[in-house]
Each structure stands twice: as structure tokens, then as C-alpha cells.
Amino acid sequence: MHLLLSRHGIWYYRKTYLLSSGKRKEIRKSLRTRDKREAKQLAIKILLLSECPDSARKVTSQLITQEQLPSLSVCISNYIDANKHLWQERHQHRIKGVLSEIPSLILTKANVSTLKKKWLEGKSIATVNKCIGYCSMFYKWVESEYDGIENPFNGLKIKGHIENSRTAYTKDELHTFYTQALKLRDRGQELRDPQK
């Protein structure tokens, strides 16, 4: 895709030509948007308007369709392989387990909502937010590898307090813990000093 993101977050259309002298010439045009999806659509329109109909057909055929994308399992294994140097083995298994719950590579908001509800049934809010974070990182990687894929997990984390938080210990419970600790300490001293 002929897209360039400026340091200010604005998307530009960029086309590079090779002149007969062998030098390259670059044309940049501001798309006046910060939204990547909108920028892609605008860039395609510029390409279609600027080039002849034959090349326009080539451009539209180069756009990735769902049939040309690799399967979800291939994307997951490629993602794990590309980033395994960043994680411990246990963490890799955790991420792979969460990603294996995704039903397909291209998700609708309804799919994501169903997945989030499923996670909320058996997990705490903090754990669900971790799962959403793992999926969001995966889709950021997929976005960088393949055109035409959007991150459906972007900005989806759950806000609010954790519902299943523990209550504070009562005075009686604290007293019991303290007396048990004293007994264990005394027993440990008896085992170390058998003369007493």
C-alpha cells in the first residue's frame, strides 16, 4: 500500500517513480486523516484516479481478500515464532491458549463481544483484560504483516473495579494467624535447640 504515517499522526499517500535518468522521484499527498482504514480507502481512490484502468485493475487485484490470507493457526504460530525471544516458555503457552480461542482471523464486533462475554463468565476482570491485551498485540502484528486486517480488540479493555476482590481480614482472623505464627516459631526454636 502507498501509505506513510507522519510523525504527527496524519496519513499520506506516497508514490515513488523511477525516472529515465535512474533517479527516484517521490510524490506525497496528505490524506488529512488519522484513521488508517479511511487512509487506505482514500489511497485506493487516488490510485484509481491517477492511473489507467488496466493498472487500476491490478491494484484492486493486489488487495488482500479473505481467501488470500493465511489461516488463523498459521498466523498464530508465525506470531509466536516471531516474538518467542520476548517471552518465557510458560508465557508463550498462555498466549497461544488465549489466541486459540479466537474463532477466525477476521472478526466482527459481535464475535469479539461473544468472546469477551465467554471470558467474563469464568475469569476476573484483570484476567479478561490480559486476554484482550494478548489478542490486541496479536492483531497489531497481523496488521503490520497483512493489509486489510483491522484490530477488533483495540480499546476494548474493561474499566472498573474488580468485583471478586477479597475482603479484609477480621480481627479474630488476624489474631488466629498471629497465634499460629507464634506457635510455629516456638516449635521451630524447640527443634533447633533440643536442650530446652
C-alpha atoms as a PDB file:
ATOM      1  CA  MET A   1       0.000   0.000   0.000  1.00  0.00           C
ATOM      2  CA  HIS A   2       1.244   3.506  -0.738  1.00  0.00           C
ATOM      3  CA  LEU A   3       0.705   4.871   2.760  1.00  0.00           C
ATOM      4  CA  LEU A   4       3.010   6.827   5.010  1.00  0.00           C
ATOM      5  CA  LEU A   5       2.275   7.917   8.588  1.00  0.00           C
ATOM      6  CA  SER A   6       3.788  11.261   9.558  1.00  0.00           C
ATOM      7  CA  ARG A   7       5.240  11.920  12.987  1.00  0.00           C
ATOM      8  CA  HIS A   8       2.114  13.989  13.712  1.00  0.00           C
ATOM      9  CA  GLY A   9      -0.184  11.011  13.098  1.00  0.00           C
ATOM     10  CA  ILE A  10      -1.502  12.150   9.687  1.00  0.00           C
ATOM     11  CA  TRP A  11      -1.620   9.613   6.847  1.00  0.00           C
ATOM     12  CA  TYR A  12      -0.062  10.478   3.465  1.00  0.00           C
ATOM     13  CA  TYR A  13      -0.354   8.900   0.048  1.00  0.00           C
ATOM     14  CA  ARG A  14       3.154   8.183  -1.266  1.00  0.00           C
ATOM     15  CA  LYS A  15       4.079   7.071  -4.757  1.00  0.00           C
ATOM     16  CA  THR A  16       7.657   6.549  -5.954  1.00  0.00           C
ATOM     17  CA  TYR A  17       8.562   6.773  -9.654  1.00  0.00           C
ATOM     18  CA  LEU A  18      11.788   5.786 -11.360  1.00  0.00           C
ATOM     19  CA  LEU A  19      12.908   8.449 -13.839  1.00  0.00           C
ATOM     20  CA  SER A  20      14.687   7.641 -17.086  1.00  0.00           C
ATOM     21  CA  SER A  21      17.889   9.039 -15.574  1.00  0.00           C
ATOM     22  CA  GLY A  22      17.734   6.308 -12.920  1.00  0.00           C
ATOM     23  CA  LYS A  23      16.795   8.669 -10.095  1.00  0.00           C
ATOM     24  CA  ARG A  24      13.742   8.170  -7.965  1.00  0.00           C
ATOM     25  CA  LYS A  25      11.019  10.747  -7.622  1.00  0.00           C
ATOM     26  CA  GLU A  26       8.556  10.627  -4.770  1.00  0.00           C
ATOM     27  CA  ILE A  27       5.123  12.245  -4.663  1.00  0.00           C
ATOM     28  CA  ARG A  28       3.413  12.796  -1.313  1.00  0.00           C
ATOM     29  CA  LYS A  29      -0.146  13.940  -0.778  1.00  0.00           C
ATOM     30  CA  SER A  30      -1.768  14.459   2.598  1.00  0.00           C
ATOM     31  CA  LEU A  31      -4.895  12.350   3.090  1.00  0.00           C
ATOM     32  CA  ARG A  32      -5.925  14.615   6.002  1.00  0.00           C
ATOM     33  CA  THR A  33      -6.940  11.771   8.270  1.00  0.00           C
ATOM     34  CA  ARG A  34      -5.619   9.948  11.303  1.00  0.00           C
ATOM     35  CA  ASP A  35      -7.726   6.835  10.643  1.00  0.00           C
ATOM     36  CA  LYS A  36      -5.842   4.036   8.865  1.00  0.00           C
ATOM     37  CA  ARG A  37      -8.964   2.475   7.345  1.00  0.00           C
ATOM     38  CA  GLU A  38     -10.056   5.784   5.844  1.00  0.00           C
ATOM     39  CA  ALA A  39      -6.500   6.430   4.619  1.00  0.00           C
ATOM     40  CA  LYS A  40      -6.462   3.080   2.802  1.00  0.00           C
ATOM     41  CA  GLN A  41      -9.732   3.897   1.053  1.00  0.00           C
ATOM     42  CA  LEU A  42      -8.505   7.354   0.041  1.00  0.00           C
ATOM     43  CA  ALA A  43      -5.203   5.945  -1.248  1.00  0.00           C
ATOM     44  CA  ILE A  44      -7.062   3.421  -3.408  1.00  0.00           C
ATOM     45  CA  LYS A  45      -9.216   6.225  -4.837  1.00  0.00           C
ATOM     46  CA  ILE A  46      -6.118   8.255  -5.680  1.00  0.00           C
ATOM     47  CA  LEU A  47      -4.524   5.237  -7.348  1.00  0.00           C
ATOM     48  CA  LEU A  48      -7.653   4.518  -9.351  1.00  0.00           C
ATOM     49  CA  LEU A  49      -7.962   8.131 -10.485  1.00  0.00           C
ATOM     50  CA  SER A  50      -4.296   8.676 -11.270  1.00  0.00           C
ATOM     51  CA  GLU A  51      -3.571   5.581 -13.317  1.00  0.00           C
ATOM     52  CA  CYS A  52      -5.078   3.954 -16.356  1.00  0.00           C
ATOM     53  CA  PRO A  53      -7.921   1.392 -15.996  1.00  0.00           C
ATOM     54  CA  ASP A  54      -5.589  -1.579 -16.594  1.00  0.00           C
ATOM     55  CA  SER A  55      -3.320  -0.641 -13.695  1.00  0.00           C
ATOM     56  CA  ALA A  56      -6.379   0.109 -11.559  1.00  0.00           C
ATOM     57  CA  ARG A  57      -7.497  -3.470 -12.061  1.00  0.00           C
ATOM     58  CA  LYS A  58      -4.052  -4.644 -10.947  1.00  0.00           C
ATOM     59  CA  VAL A  59      -4.271  -2.542  -7.791  1.00  0.00           C
ATOM     60  CA  THR A  60      -7.675  -3.883  -6.853  1.00  0.00           C
ATOM     61  CA  SER A  61      -6.485  -7.435  -7.501  1.00  0.00           C
ATOM     62  CA  GLN A  62      -3.487  -6.846  -5.217  1.00  0.00           C
ATOM     63  CA  LEU A  63      -5.745  -6.037  -2.268  1.00  0.00           C
ATOM     64  CA  ILE A  64      -5.765  -8.955   0.096  1.00  0.00           C
ATOM     65  CA  THR A  65      -9.041 -10.787   0.277  1.00  0.00           C
ATOM     66  CA  GLN A  66     -10.017 -13.240   2.951  1.00  0.00           C
ATOM     67  CA  GLU A  67      -9.193 -16.173   0.653  1.00  0.00           C
ATOM     68  CA  GLN A  68      -5.577 -14.961   0.224  1.00  0.00           C
ATOM     69  CA  LEU A  69      -4.901 -14.622   3.948  1.00  0.00           C
ATOM     70  CA  PRO A  70      -3.208 -17.487   5.752  1.00  0.00           C
ATOM     71  CA  SER A  71      -5.269 -19.429   8.249  1.00  0.00           C
ATOM     72  CA  LEU A  72      -5.604 -18.295  11.851  1.00  0.00           C
ATOM     73  CA  SER A  73      -3.459 -21.167  13.137  1.00  0.00           C
ATOM     74  CA  VAL A  74      -0.647 -20.282  10.699  1.00  0.00           C
ATOM     75  CA  CYS A  75      -0.801 -16.620  11.767  1.00  0.00           C
ATOM     76  CA  ILE A  76      -0.688 -17.603  15.460  1.00  0.00           C
ATOM     77  CA  SER A  77       2.313 -19.904  15.003  1.00  0.00           C
ATOM     78  CA  ASN A  78       4.123 -17.236  12.917  1.00  0.00           C
ATOM     79  CA  TYR A  79       3.380 -14.634  15.602  1.00  0.00           C
ATOM     80  CA  ILE A  80       4.658 -16.882  18.388  1.00  0.00           C
ATOM     81  CA  ASP A  81       7.797 -17.737  16.380  1.00  0.00           C
ATOM     82  CA  ALA A  82       8.479 -14.068  15.598  1.00  0.00           C
ATOM     83  CA  ASN A  83       8.151 -12.973  19.228  1.00  0.00           C
ATOM     84  CA  LYS A  84       9.224 -16.021  21.258  1.00  0.00           C
ATOM     85  CA  HIS A  85      12.518 -14.351  22.171  1.00  0.00           C
ATOM     86  CA  LEU A  86      10.474 -11.825  24.187  1.00  0.00           C
ATOM     87  CA  TRP A  87       8.610 -14.351  26.370  1.00  0.00           C
ATOM     88  CA  GLN A  88       9.340 -17.266  28.651  1.00  0.00           C
ATOM     89  CA  GLU A  89       8.008 -20.637  27.547  1.00  0.00           C
ATOM     90  CA  ARG A  90       5.190 -20.584  30.122  1.00  0.00           C
ATOM     91  CA  HIS A  91       4.067 -17.176  28.848  1.00  0.00           C
ATOM     92  CA  GLN A  92       4.148 -18.424  25.232  1.00  0.00           C
ATOM     93  CA  HIS A  93       1.772 -21.278  26.145  1.00  0.00           C
ATOM     94  CA  ARG A  94      -0.553 -18.842  27.924  1.00  0.00           C
ATOM     95  CA  ILE A  95      -0.684 -16.508  24.909  1.00  0.00           C
ATOM     96  CA  LYS A  96      -1.155 -19.409  22.494  1.00  0.00           C
ATOM     97  CA  GLY A  97      -4.020 -20.731  24.636  1.00  0.00           C
ATOM     98  CA  VAL A  98      -5.795 -17.374  24.620  1.00  0.00           C
ATOM     99  CA  LEU A  99      -5.297 -16.886  20.872  1.00  0.00           C
ATOM    100  CA  SER A 100      -6.607 -20.381  20.146  1.00  0.00           C
ATOM    101  CA  GLU A 101     -10.000 -19.247  21.497  1.00  0.00           C
ATOM    102  CA  ILE A 102     -10.377 -16.738  18.625  1.00  0.00           C
ATOM    103  CA  PRO A 103     -12.957 -18.201  16.188  1.00  0.00           C
ATOM    104  CA  SER A 104     -11.467 -16.789  12.934  1.00  0.00           C
ATOM    105  CA  LEU A 105      -8.846 -14.328  11.702  1.00  0.00           C
ATOM    106  CA  ILE A 106     -11.351 -11.730  10.502  1.00  0.00           C
ATOM    107  CA  LEU A 107     -13.689 -10.881  13.370  1.00  0.00           C
ATOM    108  CA  THR A 108     -16.797  -8.764  13.641  1.00  0.00           C
ATOM    109  CA  LYS A 109     -17.665  -6.735  16.717  1.00  0.00           C
ATOM    110  CA  ALA A 110     -20.302  -9.381  17.513  1.00  0.00           C
ATOM    111  CA  ASN A 111     -17.633 -12.127  17.525  1.00  0.00           C
ATOM    112  CA  VAL A 112     -15.437 -10.087  19.844  1.00  0.00           C
ATOM    113  CA  SER A 113     -18.373  -9.299  22.142  1.00  0.00           C
ATOM    114  CA  THR A 114     -19.274 -13.008  22.384  1.00  0.00           C
ATOM    115  CA  LEU A 115     -15.665 -13.905  23.171  1.00  0.00           C
ATOM    116  CA  LYS A 116     -15.471 -11.208  25.851  1.00  0.00           C
ATOM    117  CA  LYS A 117     -18.696 -12.436  27.489  1.00  0.00           C
ATOM    118  CA  LYS A 118     -17.352 -16.007  27.481  1.00  0.00           C
ATOM    119  CA  TRP A 119     -14.163 -14.857  29.212  1.00  0.00           C
ATOM    120  CA  LEU A 120     -16.108 -12.816  31.783  1.00  0.00           C
ATOM    121  CA  GLU A 121     -18.101 -15.895  32.872  1.00  0.00           C
ATOM    122  CA  GLY A 122     -15.115 -17.714  34.295  1.00  0.00           C
ATOM    123  CA  LYS A 123     -12.369 -15.138  34.771  1.00  0.00           C
ATOM    124  CA  SER A 124     -11.747 -11.966  36.727  1.00  0.00           C
ATOM    125  CA  ILE A 125     -11.742  -8.556  35.047  1.00  0.00           C
ATOM    126  CA  ALA A 126      -7.954  -8.343  35.349  1.00  0.00           C
ATOM    127  CA  THR A 127      -7.532 -11.710  33.594  1.00  0.00           C
ATOM    128  CA  VAL A 128     -10.022 -10.758  30.859  1.00  0.00           C
ATOM    129  CA  ASN A 129      -8.073  -7.531  30.286  1.00  0.00           C
ATOM    130  CA  LYS A 130      -4.885  -9.606  29.922  1.00  0.00           C
ATOM    131  CA  CYS A 131      -6.620 -11.834  27.358  1.00  0.00           C
ATOM    132  CA  ILE A 132      -7.814  -8.769  25.434  1.00  0.00           C
ATOM    133  CA  GLY A 133      -4.269  -7.376  25.588  1.00  0.00           C
ATOM    134  CA  TYR A 134      -2.796 -10.606  24.171  1.00  0.00           C
ATOM    135  CA  CYS A 135      -5.326 -10.560  21.318  1.00  0.00           C
ATOM    136  CA  SER A 136      -4.724  -6.874  20.647  1.00  0.00           C
ATOM    137  CA  MET A 137      -0.940  -7.422  20.441  1.00  0.00           C
ATOM    138  CA  PHE A 138      -1.534 -10.322  18.040  1.00  0.00           C
ATOM    139  CA  TYR A 139      -3.763  -8.231  15.770  1.00  0.00           C
ATOM    140  CA  LYS A 140      -1.262  -5.340  15.794  1.00  0.00           C
ATOM    141  CA  TRP A 141       1.304  -7.818  14.494  1.00  0.00           C
ATOM    142  CA  VAL A 142      -1.166  -9.142  11.880  1.00  0.00           C
ATOM    143  CA  GLU A 143      -1.914  -5.539  10.782  1.00  0.00           C
ATOM    144  CA  SER A 144       1.789  -4.942  10.228  1.00  0.00           C
ATOM    145  CA  GLU A 145       2.159  -8.170   8.221  1.00  0.00           C
ATOM    146  CA  TYR A 146      -1.000  -8.115   6.078  1.00  0.00           C
ATOM    147  CA  ASP A 147      -3.073  -5.299   4.594  1.00  0.00           C
ATOM    148  CA  GLY A 148      -6.821  -5.350   5.029  1.00  0.00           C
ATOM    149  CA  ILE A 149      -6.892  -6.625   8.629  1.00  0.00           C
ATOM    150  CA  GLU A 150      -8.127  -4.342  11.383  1.00  0.00           C
ATOM    151  CA  ASN A 151      -7.585  -4.805  15.127  1.00  0.00           C
ATOM    152  CA  PRO A 152     -11.042  -5.597  16.558  1.00  0.00           C
ATOM    153  CA  PHE A 153      -9.661  -5.652  20.129  1.00  0.00           C
ATOM    154  CA  ASN A 154      -8.384  -2.075  20.023  1.00  0.00           C
ATOM    155  CA  GLY A 155      -9.663  -0.043  23.008  1.00  0.00           C
ATOM    156  CA  LEU A 156     -11.768  -2.891  24.355  1.00  0.00           C
ATOM    157  CA  LYS A 157     -10.356  -3.270  27.868  1.00  0.00           C
ATOM    158  CA  ILE A 158     -12.867  -3.329  30.705  1.00  0.00           C
ATOM    159  CA  LYS A 159     -12.781  -0.415  33.098  1.00  0.00           C
ATOM    160  CA  GLY A 160     -13.990  -0.526  36.655  1.00  0.00           C
ATOM    161  CA  HIS A 161     -13.213  -2.204  39.923  1.00  0.00           C
ATOM    162  CA  ILE A 162     -12.575  -5.886  40.323  1.00  0.00           C
ATOM    163  CA  GLU A 163     -15.801  -7.490  41.502  1.00  0.00           C
ATOM    164  CA  ASN A 164     -14.271 -10.599  43.041  1.00  0.00           C
ATOM    165  CA  SER A 165     -11.828  -8.755  45.285  1.00  0.00           C
ATOM    166  CA  ARG A 166     -11.110 -10.177  48.721  1.00  0.00           C
ATOM    167  CA  THR A 167     -12.442  -8.604  51.887  1.00  0.00           C
ATOM    168  CA  ALA A 168     -10.082  -7.502  54.615  1.00  0.00           C
ATOM    169  CA  TYR A 169      -9.302  -9.955  57.420  1.00  0.00           C
ATOM    170  CA  THR A 170     -11.324  -9.571  60.604  1.00  0.00           C
ATOM    171  CA  LYS A 171      -9.669  -9.013  63.989  1.00  0.00           C
ATOM    172  CA  ASP A 172     -10.430 -12.613  65.014  1.00  0.00           C
ATOM    173  CA  GLU A 173      -8.808 -13.982  61.837  1.00  0.00           C
ATOM    174  CA  LEU A 174      -5.739 -11.788  62.353  1.00  0.00           C
ATOM    175  CA  HIS A 175      -5.490 -12.953  65.982  1.00  0.00           C
ATOM    176  CA  THR A 176      -5.675 -16.610  64.852  1.00  0.00           C
ATOM    177  CA  PHE A 177      -2.938 -16.067  62.226  1.00  0.00           C
ATOM    178  CA  TYR A 178      -0.726 -14.321  64.758  1.00  0.00           C
ATOM    179  CA  THR A 179      -1.086 -17.027  67.426  1.00  0.00           C
ATOM    180  CA  GLN A 180      -0.431 -19.756  64.832  1.00  0.00           C
ATOM    181  CA  ALA A 181       2.694 -17.924  63.692  1.00  0.00           C
ATOM    182  CA  LEU A 182       3.927 -17.683  67.292  1.00  0.00           C
ATOM    183  CA  LYS A 183       3.310 -21.413  67.823  1.00  0.00           C
ATOM    184  CA  LEU A 184       5.213 -22.267  64.652  1.00  0.00           C
ATOM    185  CA  ARG A 185       8.078 -20.009  65.697  1.00  0.00           C
ATOM    186  CA  ASP A 186       8.253 -21.625  69.146  1.00  0.00           C
ATOM    187  CA  ARG A 187       8.148 -25.115  67.627  1.00  0.00           C
ATOM    188  CA  GLY A 188      10.967 -24.148  65.234  1.00  0.00           C
ATOM    189  CA  GLN A 189      13.109 -22.957  68.167  1.00  0.00           C
ATOM    190  CA  GLU A 190      12.423 -26.226  70.056  1.00  0.00           C
ATOM    191  CA  LEU A 191      13.588 -28.242  67.054  1.00  0.00           C
ATOM    192  CA  ARG A 192      16.770 -26.183  66.713  1.00  0.00           C
ATOM    193  CA  ASP A 193      17.576 -26.229  70.482  1.00  0.00           C
ATOM    194  CA  PRO A 194      16.768 -29.743  71.800  1.00  0.00           C
ATOM    195  CA  GLN A 195      18.350 -28.956  75.268  1.00  0.00           C
ATOM    196  CA  LYS A 196      15.306 -26.913  76.353  1.00  0.00           C
END
